[in-house]
Amino acid sequence: MFDLETLKRESGLTQEQLARLEQDAHAEFPGDAMMIELHLLRILEAIRKGWITTEVALGQPELVKAA
């Protein structure tokens, strides 16, 4: 539905990080492929634009360094 593959390639995230984001999306929206894709699209765009960090997206805010 969305061009997730391009966003994934351009994200700079590791395969493990991308898999974790996908796993989290599947857990949040079981059986709803469109919502899973939309969620991943929004997360990857937010990371790309600097609105959130990878650590926050992965549910690891304790890894975010204090400014």
C-alpha atoms as a PDB file:
ATOM      1  CA  MET A   1       0.000   0.000   0.000  1.00  0.00           C
ATOM      2  CA  PHE A   2       2.757   2.421   0.976  1.00  0.00           C
ATOM      3  CA  ASP A   3       6.368   2.612  -0.229  1.00  0.00           C
ATOM      4  CA  LEU A   4       7.780   1.188   2.984  1.00  0.00           C
ATOM      5  CA  GLU A   5      10.734  -0.529   1.338  1.00  0.00           C
ATOM      6  CA  THR A   6      12.242   2.790   0.258  1.00  0.00           C
ATOM      7  CA  LEU A   7      11.692   4.281   3.703  1.00  0.00           C
ATOM      8  CA  LYS A   8      13.277   1.233   5.331  1.00  0.00           C
ATOM      9  CA  ARG A   9      16.341   1.427   3.077  1.00  0.00           C
ATOM     10  CA  GLU A  10      16.738   5.156   3.659  1.00  0.00           C
ATOM     11  CA  SER A  11      16.095   4.980   7.403  1.00  0.00           C
ATOM     12  CA  GLY A  12      19.587   3.857   8.344  1.00  0.00           C
ATOM     13  CA  LEU A  13      18.088   1.403  10.821  1.00  0.00           C
ATOM     14  CA  THR A  14      19.510  -2.075  11.165  1.00  0.00           C
ATOM     15  CA  GLN A  15      17.526  -5.124  10.081  1.00  0.00           C
ATOM     16  CA  GLU A  16      17.114  -5.968  13.758  1.00  0.00           C
ATOM     17  CA  GLN A  17      15.682  -2.518  14.542  1.00  0.00           C
ATOM     18  CA  LEU A  18      13.300  -2.674  11.593  1.00  0.00           C
ATOM     19  CA  ALA A  19      12.178  -6.155  12.627  1.00  0.00           C
ATOM     20  CA  ARG A  20      11.495  -4.887  16.145  1.00  0.00           C
ATOM     21  CA  LEU A  21       9.380  -2.001  14.832  1.00  0.00           C
ATOM     22  CA  GLU A  22       7.439  -4.407  12.633  1.00  0.00           C
ATOM     23  CA  GLN A  23       6.951  -6.847  15.493  1.00  0.00           C
ATOM     24  CA  ASP A  24       5.619  -4.054  17.706  1.00  0.00           C
ATOM     25  CA  ALA A  25       3.223  -2.919  14.957  1.00  0.00           C
ATOM     26  CA  HIS A  26       1.928  -6.462  14.462  1.00  0.00           C
ATOM     27  CA  ALA A  27       1.337  -6.769  18.204  1.00  0.00           C
ATOM     28  CA  GLU A  28      -0.534  -3.459  18.319  1.00  0.00           C
ATOM     29  CA  PHE A  29      -2.656  -4.093  15.218  1.00  0.00           C
ATOM     30  CA  PRO A  30      -3.020  -7.864  14.838  1.00  0.00           C
ATOM     31  CA  GLY A  31      -4.528  -8.871  11.526  1.00  0.00           C
ATOM     32  CA  ASP A  32      -4.812  -5.304  10.182  1.00  0.00           C
ATOM     33  CA  ALA A  33      -2.234  -4.997   7.391  1.00  0.00           C
ATOM     34  CA  MET A  34      -3.183  -1.440   6.482  1.00  0.00           C
ATOM     35  CA  MET A  35      -2.805  -0.155  10.048  1.00  0.00           C
ATOM     36  CA  ILE A  36       0.511  -1.986  10.418  1.00  0.00           C
ATOM     37  CA  GLU A  37       1.849  -0.347   7.261  1.00  0.00           C
ATOM     38  CA  LEU A  38       0.499   3.070   8.254  1.00  0.00           C
ATOM     39  CA  HIS A  39       2.055   2.786  11.714  1.00  0.00           C
ATOM     40  CA  LEU A  40       5.435   1.822  10.246  1.00  0.00           C
ATOM     41  CA  LEU A  41       5.220   4.648   7.729  1.00  0.00           C
ATOM     42  CA  ARG A  42       4.522   7.183  10.464  1.00  0.00           C
ATOM     43  CA  ILE A  43       7.287   5.885  12.736  1.00  0.00           C
ATOM     44  CA  LEU A  44       9.896   5.850   9.954  1.00  0.00           C
ATOM     45  CA  GLU A  45       8.903   9.348   8.821  1.00  0.00           C
ATOM     46  CA  ALA A  46       9.068  10.645  12.405  1.00  0.00           C
ATOM     47  CA  ILE A  47      12.569   9.209  12.814  1.00  0.00           C
ATOM     48  CA  ARG A  48      13.667  10.603   9.431  1.00  0.00           C
ATOM     49  CA  LYS A  49      12.377  14.071  10.280  1.00  0.00           C
ATOM     50  CA  GLY A  50      13.976  13.995  13.729  1.00  0.00           C
ATOM     51  CA  TRP A  51      10.693  14.207  15.597  1.00  0.00           C
ATOM     52  CA  ILE A  52      11.575  11.120  17.629  1.00  0.00           C
ATOM     53  CA  THR A  53      14.735   9.129  18.157  1.00  0.00           C
ATOM     54  CA  THR A  54      15.219   5.516  17.180  1.00  0.00           C
ATOM     55  CA  GLU A  55      15.498   4.637  20.869  1.00  0.00           C
ATOM     56  CA  VAL A  56      12.116   6.167  21.652  1.00  0.00           C
ATOM     57  CA  ALA A  57      10.542   4.445  18.636  1.00  0.00           C
ATOM     58  CA  LEU A  58      11.924   1.130  19.876  1.00  0.00           C
ATOM     59  CA  GLY A  59      10.559   1.736  23.355  1.00  0.00           C
ATOM     60  CA  GLN A  60      13.987   2.341  24.866  1.00  0.00           C
ATOM     61  CA  PRO A  61      13.823   6.004  25.978  1.00  0.00           C
ATOM     62  CA  GLU A  62      16.389   5.297  28.684  1.00  0.00           C
ATOM     63  CA  LEU A  63      18.980   5.136  25.885  1.00  0.00           C
ATOM     64  CA  VAL A  64      18.328   8.727  24.812  1.00  0.00           C
ATOM     65  CA  LYS A  65      21.212  10.927  25.897  1.00  0.00           C
ATOM     66  CA  ALA A  66      20.391  14.021  27.900  1.00  0.00           C
ATOM     67  CA  ALA A  67      21.025  17.180  25.934  1.00  0.00           C
END
